[in-house]
Amino acid sequence: MIFIKLYLIVMLCYIIGSIPFGYIITKFKSGTDIRSVGSGNVGATNASRILGRWYGIIIGVLDFAKGLLAVLLAGLIMGSSYFLVGDYVFGMLSAQVLGGFAVLSGHIWPIFLGFKGGKGVATFFGGLTALCPLASMVGGQAFLVVMLIWGYASLGSIVGVVATYAILLPLIIISGFPLEYLIYTLGGTIAVSIKHKDNIVRLLQGKERLIGKKIESPPNSS
């Protein structure tokens, strides 16, 4: 029974993550396939360059909500069930981390878009908010400060996810926070950083796009 629960967690969270809000909303509002414009990414930043800032915020909130909902749902499905892996107790918190990875994977590799999705930043923070609001708040503030000062969403994203990992190290060592939080942030930091490899190259070359710079949608892009 417990392995059926784990299967449901992985599948449901992955499907939730695969819902491409950036693609759906951009297609509905402008008839544009977001994958053919700008960076080709289906996330909030690229959508904001096509539809404007407020639509980018809406899409970002929806992607954030995917992560939050999935991790909470994983906890509800797992409930008080648990099993032992050696001396380790795999229980609700471990299932939530599993659900967090599944929803993040769905956003980055969505089944509905041929496994080519977004970069996972908002969804990562949504899952982390359900797990550890303090770490999410610190990382979110780092993201906003860097983005507002330098104007690069990609730089803010990378600094933000790394900050969540950095703040959790002392919290786990000194304050006894669960190790599962660190596992989630480490996996998320690696995934988000890899997805931003092209942005890192452009940042180093001084060619990265500023957050507020709009682009024109190609005609008949549908």
N, C-alpha and C. Protein backbone atom coordinates (compact mmCIF):
# COMPACT_ATOMS: atom_id res chain seq x y z
N MET A 1 0.82 -1.21 0.00
CA MET A 1 0.00 0.00 0.00
C MET A 1 0.86 1.27 0.00
N ILE A 2 1.95 1.24 0.78
CA ILE A 2 2.78 2.43 0.88
C ILE A 2 3.47 2.75 -0.43
N PHE A 3 3.81 1.72 -1.20
CA PHE A 3 4.47 1.97 -2.48
C PHE A 3 3.47 2.47 -3.53
N ILE A 4 2.20 2.12 -3.36
CA ILE A 4 1.16 2.70 -4.20
C ILE A 4 1.05 4.20 -3.92
N LYS A 5 1.15 4.57 -2.65
CA LYS A 5 1.12 5.99 -2.28
C LYS A 5 2.29 6.74 -2.92
N LEU A 6 3.47 6.14 -2.88
CA LEU A 6 4.64 6.79 -3.46
C LEU A 6 4.49 6.94 -4.97
N TYR A 7 3.92 5.92 -5.60
CA TYR A 7 3.68 5.98 -7.05
C TYR A 7 2.70 7.13 -7.36
N LEU A 8 1.63 7.24 -6.57
CA LEU A 8 0.65 8.31 -6.77
C LEU A 8 1.29 9.67 -6.57
N ILE A 9 2.15 9.79 -5.56
CA ILE A 9 2.82 11.06 -5.29
C ILE A 9 3.66 11.49 -6.49
N VAL A 10 4.47 10.57 -6.98
CA VAL A 10 5.35 10.89 -8.10
C VAL A 10 4.55 11.26 -9.34
N MET A 11 3.55 10.46 -9.66
CA MET A 11 2.79 10.70 -10.88
C MET A 11 1.96 11.98 -10.80
N LEU A 12 1.24 12.18 -9.70
CA LEU A 12 0.40 13.36 -9.57
C LEU A 12 1.24 14.64 -9.53
N CYS A 13 2.33 14.61 -8.78
CA CYS A 13 3.17 15.80 -8.68
C CYS A 13 3.83 16.11 -10.03
N TYR A 14 4.24 15.08 -10.74
CA TYR A 14 4.83 15.30 -12.06
C TYR A 14 3.82 15.91 -13.02
N ILE A 15 2.59 15.41 -13.00
CA ILE A 15 1.54 15.96 -13.88
C ILE A 15 1.24 17.41 -13.52
N ILE A 16 1.17 17.71 -12.22
CA ILE A 16 0.95 19.10 -11.80
C ILE A 16 2.08 19.98 -12.32
N GLY A 17 3.30 19.52 -12.18
CA GLY A 17 4.44 20.29 -12.66
C GLY A 17 4.44 20.48 -14.16
N SER A 18 3.86 19.53 -14.87
CA SER A 18 3.87 19.57 -16.34
C SER A 18 2.87 20.56 -16.93
N ILE A 19 1.98 21.11 -16.10
CA ILE A 19 1.01 22.09 -16.63
C ILE A 19 1.77 23.36 -17.04
N PRO A 20 1.83 23.67 -18.34
CA PRO A 20 2.68 24.78 -18.82
C PRO A 20 1.91 26.10 -18.85
N PHE A 21 1.78 26.74 -17.70
CA PHE A 21 1.00 27.96 -17.63
C PHE A 21 1.56 29.05 -18.56
N GLY A 22 2.86 29.15 -18.66
CA GLY A 22 3.45 30.15 -19.55
C GLY A 22 3.05 29.94 -20.99
N TYR A 23 3.08 28.70 -21.44
CA TYR A 23 2.69 28.38 -22.80
C TYR A 23 1.19 28.64 -23.02
N ILE A 24 0.35 28.18 -22.08
CA ILE A 24 -1.10 28.29 -22.22
C ILE A 24 -1.53 29.75 -22.26
N ILE A 25 -1.07 30.54 -21.32
CA ILE A 25 -1.51 31.94 -21.22
C ILE A 25 -0.98 32.76 -22.39
N THR A 26 0.26 32.55 -22.76
CA THR A 26 0.82 33.30 -23.90
C THR A 26 0.10 32.94 -25.19
N LYS A 27 -0.20 31.67 -25.37
CA LYS A 27 -0.92 31.23 -26.56
C LYS A 27 -2.32 31.84 -26.61
N PHE A 28 -2.99 31.85 -25.45
CA PHE A 28 -4.36 32.38 -25.38
C PHE A 28 -4.39 33.88 -25.61
N LYS A 29 -3.45 34.61 -25.03
CA LYS A 29 -3.49 36.06 -25.10
C LYS A 29 -2.97 36.61 -26.43
N SER A 30 -1.97 35.97 -27.01
CA SER A 30 -1.33 36.56 -28.20
C SER A 30 -1.30 35.63 -29.41
N GLY A 31 -1.70 34.37 -29.21
CA GLY A 31 -1.60 33.41 -30.31
C GLY A 31 -0.18 32.96 -30.58
N THR A 32 0.75 33.35 -29.71
CA THR A 32 2.17 33.06 -29.91
C THR A 32 2.58 31.79 -29.19
N ASP A 33 3.38 30.99 -29.86
CA ASP A 33 4.02 29.86 -29.20
C ASP A 33 5.25 30.41 -28.50
N ILE A 34 5.22 30.47 -27.19
CA ILE A 34 6.29 31.08 -26.42
C ILE A 34 7.64 30.44 -26.69
N ARG A 35 7.62 29.19 -27.13
CA ARG A 35 8.87 28.48 -27.39
C ARG A 35 9.60 29.00 -28.62
N SER A 36 8.89 29.80 -29.44
CA SER A 36 9.50 30.33 -30.67
C SER A 36 9.97 31.76 -30.52
N VAL A 37 9.89 32.31 -29.31
CA VAL A 37 10.18 33.72 -29.09
C VAL A 37 11.21 33.88 -27.97
N GLY A 38 12.08 34.86 -28.12
CA GLY A 38 13.03 35.16 -27.06
C GLY A 38 13.94 33.99 -26.76
N SER A 39 13.99 33.62 -25.47
CA SER A 39 14.84 32.52 -25.05
C SER A 39 14.23 31.16 -25.38
N GLY A 40 12.93 31.15 -25.74
CA GLY A 40 12.25 29.89 -26.00
C GLY A 40 11.80 29.19 -24.74
N ASN A 41 12.08 29.78 -23.60
CA ASN A 41 11.70 29.21 -22.32
C ASN A 41 10.21 29.48 -22.05
N VAL A 42 9.52 28.53 -21.40
CA VAL A 42 8.09 28.69 -21.18
C VAL A 42 7.76 29.30 -19.82
N GLY A 43 8.77 29.83 -19.13
CA GLY A 43 8.55 30.38 -17.81
C GLY A 43 8.11 31.83 -17.81
N ALA A 44 8.02 32.38 -16.60
CA ALA A 44 7.46 33.72 -16.41
C ALA A 44 8.31 34.82 -17.03
N THR A 45 9.63 34.68 -16.97
CA THR A 45 10.49 35.74 -17.48
C THR A 45 10.31 35.94 -18.98
N ASN A 46 10.32 34.86 -19.74
CA ASN A 46 10.14 34.97 -21.18
C ASN A 46 8.73 35.44 -21.52
N ALA A 47 7.75 34.96 -20.76
CA ALA A 47 6.36 35.39 -20.99
C ALA A 47 6.20 36.89 -20.75
N SER A 48 6.91 37.42 -19.74
CA SER A 48 6.80 38.85 -19.45
C SER A 48 7.35 39.69 -20.58
N ARG A 49 8.29 39.16 -21.34
CA ARG A 49 8.85 39.91 -22.46
C ARG A 49 7.88 39.96 -23.64
N ILE A 50 6.93 39.05 -23.64
CA ILE A 50 5.94 39.01 -24.72
C ILE A 50 4.65 39.71 -24.31
N LEU A 51 4.16 39.40 -23.11
CA LEU A 51 2.85 39.88 -22.66
C LEU A 51 2.93 41.07 -21.71
N GLY A 52 4.10 41.34 -21.16
CA GLY A 52 4.23 42.42 -20.19
C GLY A 52 4.44 41.89 -18.78
N ARG A 53 4.83 42.81 -17.91
CA ARG A 53 5.24 42.46 -16.55
C ARG A 53 4.16 41.74 -15.75
N TRP A 54 2.91 42.24 -15.84
CA TRP A 54 1.87 41.69 -14.97
C TRP A 54 1.51 40.26 -15.34
N TYR A 55 1.52 39.96 -16.61
CA TYR A 55 1.28 38.57 -17.01
C TYR A 55 2.45 37.68 -16.57
N GLY A 56 3.65 38.23 -16.62
CA GLY A 56 4.79 37.47 -16.13
C GLY A 56 4.64 37.15 -14.66
N ILE A 57 4.16 38.12 -13.88
CA ILE A 57 3.95 37.89 -12.44
C ILE A 57 2.89 36.82 -12.22
N ILE A 58 1.79 36.90 -12.98
CA ILE A 58 0.71 35.91 -12.85
C ILE A 58 1.23 34.51 -13.14
N ILE A 59 1.98 34.38 -14.21
CA ILE A 59 2.53 33.07 -14.58
C ILE A 59 3.51 32.58 -13.52
N GLY A 60 4.32 33.50 -13.00
CA GLY A 60 5.26 33.13 -11.94
C GLY A 60 4.54 32.64 -10.70
N VAL A 61 3.44 33.30 -10.34
CA VAL A 61 2.66 32.88 -9.17
C VAL A 61 2.04 31.50 -9.39
N LEU A 62 1.55 31.26 -10.60
CA LEU A 62 0.95 29.96 -10.91
C LEU A 62 2.01 28.85 -10.87
N ASP A 63 3.19 29.13 -11.39
CA ASP A 63 4.27 28.14 -11.35
C ASP A 63 4.71 27.89 -9.90
N PHE A 64 4.74 28.95 -9.11
CA PHE A 64 5.04 28.82 -7.68
C PHE A 64 4.00 27.95 -7.00
N ALA A 65 2.73 28.19 -7.33
CA ALA A 65 1.63 27.43 -6.72
C ALA A 65 1.71 25.94 -7.05
N LYS A 66 2.24 25.61 -8.23
CA LYS A 66 2.41 24.19 -8.59
C LYS A 66 3.30 23.48 -7.58
N GLY A 67 4.43 24.11 -7.27
CA GLY A 67 5.35 23.51 -6.31
C GLY A 67 4.76 23.41 -4.93
N LEU A 68 4.11 24.48 -4.49
CA LEU A 68 3.48 24.50 -3.17
C LEU A 68 2.41 23.42 -3.05
N LEU A 69 1.51 23.36 -4.03
CA LEU A 69 0.42 22.40 -4.01
C LEU A 69 0.94 20.97 -4.03
N ALA A 70 1.91 20.70 -4.87
CA ALA A 70 2.41 19.34 -5.02
C ALA A 70 3.02 18.81 -3.73
N VAL A 71 3.82 19.63 -3.06
CA VAL A 71 4.47 19.19 -1.82
C VAL A 71 3.43 18.99 -0.72
N LEU A 72 2.46 19.88 -0.63
CA LEU A 72 1.39 19.69 0.34
C LEU A 72 0.58 18.44 0.04
N LEU A 73 0.30 18.22 -1.23
CA LEU A 73 -0.45 17.03 -1.64
C LEU A 73 0.32 15.75 -1.30
N ALA A 74 1.63 15.78 -1.52
CA ALA A 74 2.45 14.61 -1.19
C ALA A 74 2.35 14.28 0.29
N GLY A 75 2.35 15.30 1.13
CA GLY A 75 2.21 15.07 2.56
C GLY A 75 0.87 14.48 2.93
N LEU A 76 -0.19 14.96 2.28
CA LEU A 76 -1.53 14.44 2.55
C LEU A 76 -1.65 12.98 2.13
N ILE A 77 -1.10 12.64 0.98
CA ILE A 77 -1.18 11.26 0.49
C ILE A 77 -0.39 10.32 1.39
N MET A 78 0.81 10.72 1.79
CA MET A 78 1.67 9.87 2.62
C MET A 78 1.11 9.74 4.02
N GLY A 79 0.61 10.82 4.57
CA GLY A 79 0.04 10.78 5.90
C GLY A 79 1.05 10.28 6.93
N SER A 80 0.62 9.37 7.79
CA SER A 80 1.48 8.82 8.85
C SER A 80 2.21 7.55 8.42
N SER A 81 2.08 7.17 7.16
CA SER A 81 2.75 5.95 6.67
C SER A 81 4.26 6.16 6.64
N TYR A 82 5.00 5.09 6.81
CA TYR A 82 6.46 5.17 6.72
C TYR A 82 7.02 3.77 6.50
N PHE A 83 8.29 3.71 6.06
CA PHE A 83 9.02 2.44 6.01
C PHE A 83 10.48 2.72 6.26
N LEU A 84 11.21 1.71 6.62
CA LEU A 84 12.62 1.86 7.00
C LEU A 84 13.52 1.53 5.83
N VAL A 85 14.54 2.37 5.63
CA VAL A 85 15.62 2.09 4.68
C VAL A 85 16.89 2.03 5.53
N GLY A 86 17.25 0.85 5.98
CA GLY A 86 18.31 0.73 6.99
C GLY A 86 17.81 1.33 8.28
N ASP A 87 18.53 2.35 8.77
CA ASP A 87 18.11 3.05 9.98
C ASP A 87 17.31 4.32 9.67
N TYR A 88 17.15 4.61 8.37
CA TYR A 88 16.46 5.84 7.98
C TYR A 88 14.96 5.60 7.87
N VAL A 89 14.19 6.50 8.45
CA VAL A 89 12.73 6.41 8.40
C VAL A 89 12.24 7.26 7.23
N PHE A 90 11.71 6.58 6.21
CA PHE A 90 11.14 7.27 5.05
C PHE A 90 9.67 7.51 5.36
N GLY A 91 9.34 8.74 5.73
CA GLY A 91 7.98 9.09 6.11
C GLY A 91 7.44 10.25 5.31
N MET A 92 6.58 11.04 5.97
CA MET A 92 5.87 12.11 5.26
C MET A 92 6.83 13.16 4.70
N LEU A 93 7.83 13.56 5.49
CA LEU A 93 8.75 14.59 5.01
C LEU A 93 9.55 14.10 3.80
N SER A 94 10.00 12.85 3.84
CA SER A 94 10.73 12.29 2.70
C SER A 94 9.83 12.23 1.47
N ALA A 95 8.56 11.88 1.67
CA ALA A 95 7.61 11.83 0.56
C ALA A 95 7.38 13.22 -0.02
N GLN A 96 7.39 14.23 0.83
CA GLN A 96 7.21 15.60 0.34
C GLN A 96 8.40 16.04 -0.51
N VAL A 97 9.61 15.64 -0.08
CA VAL A 97 10.79 15.95 -0.89
C VAL A 97 10.70 15.23 -2.23
N LEU A 98 10.26 13.99 -2.20
CA LEU A 98 10.06 13.24 -3.45
C LEU A 98 9.05 13.94 -4.34
N GLY A 99 7.95 14.41 -3.74
CA GLY A 99 6.95 15.15 -4.51
C GLY A 99 7.49 16.45 -5.06
N GLY A 100 8.37 17.11 -4.26
CA GLY A 100 9.00 18.34 -4.73
C GLY A 100 9.87 18.12 -5.94
N PHE A 101 10.64 17.04 -5.92
CA PHE A 101 11.48 16.71 -7.08
C PHE A 101 10.62 16.35 -8.29
N ALA A 102 9.49 15.67 -8.04
CA ALA A 102 8.62 15.26 -9.14
C ALA A 102 7.97 16.47 -9.81
N VAL A 103 7.48 17.43 -9.01
CA VAL A 103 6.83 18.60 -9.60
C VAL A 103 7.85 19.47 -10.32
N LEU A 104 9.06 19.56 -9.76
CA LEU A 104 10.13 20.32 -10.42
C LEU A 104 10.51 19.67 -11.74
N SER A 105 10.59 18.34 -11.74
CA SER A 105 10.89 17.62 -12.98
C SER A 105 9.80 17.83 -14.03
N GLY A 106 8.55 17.85 -13.57
CA GLY A 106 7.45 18.08 -14.50
C GLY A 106 7.51 19.45 -15.14
N HIS A 107 7.90 20.45 -14.35
CA HIS A 107 8.00 21.81 -14.91
C HIS A 107 9.15 21.91 -15.91
N ILE A 108 10.27 21.31 -15.58
CA ILE A 108 11.44 21.39 -16.45
C ILE A 108 11.30 20.50 -17.68
N TRP A 109 10.72 19.31 -17.47
CA TRP A 109 10.55 18.34 -18.57
C TRP A 109 9.07 17.93 -18.65
N PRO A 110 8.18 18.83 -19.08
CA PRO A 110 6.74 18.55 -19.09
C PRO A 110 6.34 17.57 -20.20
N ILE A 111 5.53 16.63 -19.83
CA ILE A 111 5.07 15.62 -20.80
C ILE A 111 4.21 16.26 -21.88
N PHE A 112 3.54 17.37 -21.56
CA PHE A 112 2.62 18.00 -22.51
C PHE A 112 3.33 18.83 -23.58
N LEU A 113 4.62 19.12 -23.38
CA LEU A 113 5.37 19.93 -24.35
C LEU A 113 6.61 19.22 -24.85
N GLY A 114 6.52 17.91 -24.96
CA GLY A 114 7.64 17.15 -25.47
C GLY A 114 8.86 17.21 -24.58
N PHE A 115 8.64 17.35 -23.27
CA PHE A 115 9.71 17.34 -22.27
C PHE A 115 10.65 18.54 -22.39
N LYS A 116 10.14 19.66 -22.92
CA LYS A 116 10.92 20.89 -22.99
C LYS A 116 10.14 22.00 -22.31
N GLY A 117 10.51 22.30 -21.07
CA GLY A 117 9.74 23.25 -20.29
C GLY A 117 10.52 24.44 -19.79
N GLY A 118 10.23 24.83 -18.54
CA GLY A 118 10.85 26.01 -17.97
C GLY A 118 12.11 25.68 -17.20
N LYS A 119 12.57 26.66 -16.43
CA LYS A 119 13.83 26.50 -15.71
C LYS A 119 13.63 26.18 -14.23
N GLY A 120 12.38 26.21 -13.78
CA GLY A 120 12.05 25.64 -12.48
C GLY A 120 12.19 26.52 -11.27
N VAL A 121 12.53 27.79 -11.43
CA VAL A 121 12.82 28.63 -10.27
C VAL A 121 11.58 28.84 -9.40
N ALA A 122 10.49 29.31 -9.99
CA ALA A 122 9.27 29.57 -9.20
C ALA A 122 8.72 28.28 -8.60
N THR A 123 8.75 27.20 -9.35
CA THR A 123 8.25 25.93 -8.85
C THR A 123 9.12 25.41 -7.71
N PHE A 124 10.43 25.57 -7.83
CA PHE A 124 11.35 25.20 -6.76
C PHE A 124 11.01 25.96 -5.48
N PHE A 125 10.82 27.26 -5.58
CA PHE A 125 10.51 28.06 -4.40
C PHE A 125 9.13 27.72 -3.83
N GLY A 126 8.19 27.35 -4.68
CA GLY A 126 6.89 26.93 -4.19
C GLY A 126 7.00 25.68 -3.33
N GLY A 127 7.75 24.69 -3.82
CA GLY A 127 7.96 23.48 -3.04
C GLY A 127 8.71 23.75 -1.76
N LEU A 128 9.72 24.63 -1.81
CA LEU A 128 10.50 24.94 -0.62
C LEU A 128 9.67 25.69 0.42
N THR A 129 8.74 26.52 -0.04
CA THR A 129 7.86 27.24 0.88
C THR A 129 7.02 26.27 1.70
N ALA A 130 6.55 25.20 1.07
CA ALA A 130 5.78 24.18 1.79
C ALA A 130 6.66 23.42 2.78
N LEU A 131 7.94 23.24 2.42
CA LEU A 131 8.86 22.49 3.29
C LEU A 131 9.46 23.37 4.38
N CYS A 132 10.05 24.48 3.98
CA CYS A 132 10.79 25.34 4.92
C CYS A 132 10.61 26.80 4.52
N PRO A 133 9.56 27.46 5.02
CA PRO A 133 9.29 28.84 4.63
C PRO A 133 10.45 29.80 4.89
N LEU A 134 11.21 29.57 5.97
CA LEU A 134 12.32 30.47 6.29
C LEU A 134 13.37 30.47 5.19
N ALA A 135 13.78 29.28 4.74
CA ALA A 135 14.78 29.20 3.67
C ALA A 135 14.24 29.79 2.38
N SER A 136 12.97 29.57 2.10
CA SER A 136 12.35 30.12 0.90
C SER A 136 12.33 31.65 0.95
N MET A 137 12.05 32.20 2.12
CA MET A 137 12.01 33.65 2.27
C MET A 137 13.39 34.26 2.05
N VAL A 138 14.42 33.63 2.61
CA VAL A 138 15.79 34.14 2.43
C VAL A 138 16.19 34.07 0.95
N GLY A 139 15.94 32.92 0.31
CA GLY A 139 16.28 32.79 -1.10
C GLY A 139 15.48 33.73 -1.98
N GLY A 140 14.19 33.89 -1.66
CA GLY A 140 13.35 34.80 -2.43
C GLY A 140 13.81 36.24 -2.32
N GLN A 141 14.24 36.65 -1.13
CA GLN A 141 14.75 38.01 -0.96
C GLN A 141 16.05 38.21 -1.73
N ALA A 142 16.91 37.19 -1.71
CA ALA A 142 18.16 37.28 -2.47
C ALA A 142 17.86 37.42 -3.96
N PHE A 143 16.89 36.64 -4.44
CA PHE A 143 16.49 36.72 -5.84
C PHE A 143 16.02 38.12 -6.21
N LEU A 144 15.13 38.69 -5.39
CA LEU A 144 14.57 40.00 -5.69
C LEU A 144 15.63 41.10 -5.63
N VAL A 145 16.50 41.06 -4.61
CA VAL A 145 17.51 42.11 -4.46
C VAL A 145 18.46 42.11 -5.66
N VAL A 146 18.94 40.93 -6.03
CA VAL A 146 19.88 40.84 -7.16
C VAL A 146 19.20 41.25 -8.46
N MET A 147 17.97 40.80 -8.66
CA MET A 147 17.27 41.14 -9.89
C MET A 147 16.98 42.64 -9.99
N LEU A 148 16.57 43.25 -8.88
CA LEU A 148 16.24 44.67 -8.90
C LEU A 148 17.49 45.54 -9.06
N ILE A 149 18.61 45.12 -8.49
CA ILE A 149 19.84 45.92 -8.58
C ILE A 149 20.48 45.79 -9.96
N TRP A 150 20.62 44.56 -10.44
CA TRP A 150 21.34 44.34 -11.70
C TRP A 150 20.42 44.14 -12.91
N GLY A 151 19.14 43.83 -12.67
CA GLY A 151 18.19 43.75 -13.77
C GLY A 151 18.18 42.44 -14.52
N TYR A 152 18.82 41.41 -13.98
CA TYR A 152 18.87 40.11 -14.65
C TYR A 152 18.10 39.06 -13.83
N ALA A 153 17.03 38.53 -14.40
CA ALA A 153 16.26 37.49 -13.71
C ALA A 153 17.09 36.22 -13.54
N SER A 154 17.91 35.93 -14.53
CA SER A 154 18.72 34.71 -14.47
C SER A 154 19.72 34.78 -13.32
N LEU A 155 20.40 35.92 -13.17
CA LEU A 155 21.37 36.08 -12.09
C LEU A 155 20.67 36.01 -10.74
N GLY A 156 19.52 36.65 -10.64
CA GLY A 156 18.74 36.58 -9.40
C GLY A 156 18.30 35.17 -9.08
N SER A 157 17.92 34.43 -10.10
CA SER A 157 17.48 33.04 -9.91
C SER A 157 18.60 32.18 -9.35
N ILE A 158 19.76 32.29 -9.95
CA ILE A 158 20.90 31.47 -9.52
C ILE A 158 21.31 31.83 -8.10
N VAL A 159 21.43 33.12 -7.82
CA VAL A 159 21.80 33.55 -6.48
C VAL A 159 20.73 33.13 -5.47
N GLY A 160 19.46 33.23 -5.86
CA GLY A 160 18.37 32.89 -4.96
C GLY A 160 18.38 31.42 -4.54
N VAL A 161 18.53 30.52 -5.51
CA VAL A 161 18.52 29.09 -5.17
C VAL A 161 19.76 28.70 -4.38
N VAL A 162 20.91 29.28 -4.73
CA VAL A 162 22.14 28.99 -3.98
C VAL A 162 22.01 29.50 -2.54
N ALA A 163 21.34 30.64 -2.36
CA ALA A 163 21.15 31.20 -1.02
C ALA A 163 20.33 30.27 -0.14
N THR A 164 19.35 29.58 -0.73
CA THR A 164 18.54 28.65 0.08
C THR A 164 19.39 27.52 0.62
N TYR A 165 20.30 27.03 -0.21
CA TYR A 165 21.20 25.96 0.23
C TYR A 165 22.17 26.48 1.29
N ALA A 166 22.70 27.68 1.07
CA ALA A 166 23.68 28.25 1.99
C ALA A 166 23.08 28.51 3.37
N ILE A 167 21.83 28.97 3.42
CA ILE A 167 21.22 29.27 4.72
C ILE A 167 20.84 27.99 5.46
N LEU A 168 20.56 26.92 4.73
CA LEU A 168 20.15 25.69 5.39
C LEU A 168 21.31 24.93 6.01
N LEU A 169 22.50 25.09 5.48
CA LEU A 169 23.67 24.40 6.07
C LEU A 169 23.82 24.72 7.56
N PRO A 170 23.92 25.99 7.95
CA PRO A 170 24.02 26.27 9.40
C PRO A 170 22.76 25.92 10.17
N LEU A 171 21.60 26.08 9.55
CA LEU A 171 20.35 25.75 10.26
C LEU A 171 20.28 24.27 10.60
N ILE A 172 20.79 23.43 9.72
CA ILE A 172 20.80 21.99 9.97
C ILE A 172 21.86 21.62 11.00
N ILE A 173 23.05 22.20 10.87
CA ILE A 173 24.15 21.88 11.79
C ILE A 173 23.91 22.43 13.18
N ILE A 174 23.43 23.67 13.25
CA ILE A 174 23.30 24.34 14.55
C ILE A 174 21.92 24.17 15.16
N SER A 175 20.88 24.31 14.32
CA SER A 175 19.51 24.33 14.86
C SER A 175 18.76 23.02 14.69
N GLY A 176 19.38 22.04 14.06
CA GLY A 176 18.73 20.74 13.96
C GLY A 176 17.61 20.65 12.95
N PHE A 177 17.63 21.51 11.94
CA PHE A 177 16.61 21.40 10.89
C PHE A 177 16.78 20.05 10.18
N PRO A 178 15.69 19.50 9.63
CA PRO A 178 15.76 18.19 8.97
C PRO A 178 16.71 18.18 7.77
N LEU A 179 17.46 17.11 7.62
CA LEU A 179 18.39 16.97 6.51
C LEU A 179 17.66 16.94 5.17
N GLU A 180 16.40 16.52 5.17
CA GLU A 180 15.62 16.45 3.93
C GLU A 180 15.51 17.82 3.25
N TYR A 181 15.48 18.90 4.05
CA TYR A 181 15.44 20.24 3.47
C TYR A 181 16.68 20.50 2.61
N LEU A 182 17.83 20.08 3.13
CA LEU A 182 19.08 20.29 2.42
C LEU A 182 19.13 19.46 1.14
N ILE A 183 18.60 18.24 1.22
CA ILE A 183 18.56 17.38 0.03
C ILE A 183 17.72 18.03 -1.07
N TYR A 184 16.57 18.57 -0.69
CA TYR A 184 15.70 19.22 -1.68
C TYR A 184 16.39 20.45 -2.28
N THR A 185 16.99 21.29 -1.43
CA THR A 185 17.61 22.50 -1.96
C THR A 185 18.84 22.19 -2.81
N LEU A 186 19.59 21.16 -2.41
CA LEU A 186 20.76 20.79 -3.21
C LEU A 186 20.33 20.31 -4.59
N GLY A 187 19.34 19.40 -4.64
CA GLY A 187 18.85 18.91 -5.92
C GLY A 187 18.27 20.02 -6.77
N GLY A 188 17.49 20.90 -6.14
CA GLY A 188 16.90 22.01 -6.87
C GLY A 188 17.94 22.99 -7.37
N THR A 189 18.94 23.28 -6.55
CA THR A 189 20.00 24.20 -6.95
C THR A 189 20.77 23.67 -8.15
N ILE A 190 21.06 22.38 -8.13
CA ILE A 190 21.78 21.78 -9.26
C ILE A 190 20.94 21.85 -10.53
N ALA A 191 19.65 21.47 -10.43
CA ALA A 191 18.77 21.45 -11.60
C ALA A 191 18.60 22.85 -12.18
N VAL A 192 18.32 23.83 -11.32
CA VAL A 192 18.11 25.21 -11.79
C VAL A 192 19.39 25.78 -12.39
N SER A 193 20.52 25.51 -11.78
CA SER A 193 21.80 26.02 -12.29
C SER A 193 22.12 25.43 -13.66
N ILE A 194 21.87 24.13 -13.82
CA ILE A 194 22.12 23.49 -15.12
C ILE A 194 21.21 24.09 -16.19
N LYS A 195 19.95 24.34 -15.84
CA LYS A 195 19.02 24.92 -16.80
C LYS A 195 19.41 26.36 -17.18
N HIS A 196 20.21 26.99 -16.35
CA HIS A 196 20.64 28.37 -16.63
C HIS A 196 22.04 28.44 -17.24
N LYS A 197 22.55 27.34 -17.73
CA LYS A 197 23.93 27.35 -18.24
C LYS A 197 24.10 28.34 -19.39
N ASP A 198 23.11 28.43 -20.29
CA ASP A 198 23.21 29.39 -21.39
C ASP A 198 23.17 30.83 -20.87
N ASN A 199 22.35 31.06 -19.84
CA ASN A 199 22.27 32.39 -19.24
C ASN A 199 23.61 32.77 -18.60
N ILE A 200 24.25 31.79 -17.97
CA ILE A 200 25.54 32.06 -17.34
C ILE A 200 26.56 32.49 -18.39
N VAL A 201 26.55 31.80 -19.54
CA VAL A 201 27.47 32.17 -20.62
C VAL A 201 27.19 33.59 -21.10
N ARG A 202 25.90 33.93 -21.28
CA ARG A 202 25.55 35.28 -21.74
C ARG A 202 25.90 36.34 -20.70
N LEU A 203 25.74 36.00 -19.43
CA LEU A 203 26.12 36.94 -18.36
C LEU A 203 27.61 37.23 -18.41
N LEU A 204 28.40 36.19 -18.60
CA LEU A 204 29.85 36.36 -18.66
C LEU A 204 30.27 37.16 -19.90
N GLN A 205 29.49 37.03 -20.97
CA GLN A 205 29.79 37.75 -22.21
C GLN A 205 29.17 39.14 -22.26
N GLY A 206 28.35 39.46 -21.26
CA GLY A 206 27.66 40.74 -21.24
C GLY A 206 26.53 40.84 -22.23
N LYS A 207 25.94 39.69 -22.60
CA LYS A 207 24.89 39.67 -23.61
C LYS A 207 23.54 39.22 -23.07
N GLU A 208 23.42 39.07 -21.76
CA GLU A 208 22.18 38.59 -21.17
C GLU A 208 21.08 39.65 -21.31
N ARG A 209 19.83 39.20 -21.47
CA ARG A 209 18.69 40.10 -21.63
C ARG A 209 18.27 40.65 -20.27
N LEU A 210 17.95 41.94 -20.22
CA LEU A 210 17.43 42.56 -19.01
C LEU A 210 15.99 42.14 -18.79
N ILE A 211 15.56 42.14 -17.54
CA ILE A 211 14.23 41.64 -17.19
C ILE A 211 13.11 42.45 -17.84
N GLY A 212 13.26 43.76 -17.95
CA GLY A 212 12.16 44.58 -18.45
C GLY A 212 12.13 44.78 -19.95
N LYS A 213 13.05 44.16 -20.67
CA LYS A 213 13.16 44.39 -22.10
C LYS A 213 12.16 43.53 -22.87
N LYS A 214 11.20 44.17 -23.50
CA LYS A 214 10.19 43.41 -24.25
C LYS A 214 10.71 43.03 -25.63
N ILE A 215 10.10 41.97 -26.17
CA ILE A 215 10.44 41.52 -27.52
C ILE A 215 9.16 41.42 -28.31
N GLU A 216 9.29 41.50 -29.61
CA GLU A 216 8.12 41.40 -30.48
C GLU A 216 7.82 39.94 -30.80
N SER A 217 6.54 39.60 -30.74
CA SER A 217 6.12 38.26 -31.11
C SER A 217 6.17 38.11 -32.62
N PRO A 218 6.66 37.00 -33.14
CA PRO A 218 6.69 36.82 -34.59
C PRO A 218 5.28 36.68 -35.13
N PRO A 219 4.99 37.20 -36.32
CA PRO A 219 3.66 37.08 -36.90
C PRO A 219 3.34 35.62 -37.21
N ASN A 220 2.04 35.27 -37.03
CA ASN A 220 1.57 33.93 -37.35
C ASN A 220 2.43 32.84 -36.71
N SER A 221 2.83 33.10 -35.44
CA SER A 221 3.70 32.14 -34.76
C SER A 221 2.98 30.93 -34.27
N SER A 222 1.65 30.92 -34.35
CA SER A 222 0.91 29.75 -33.94
C SER A 222 1.02 28.62 -34.94
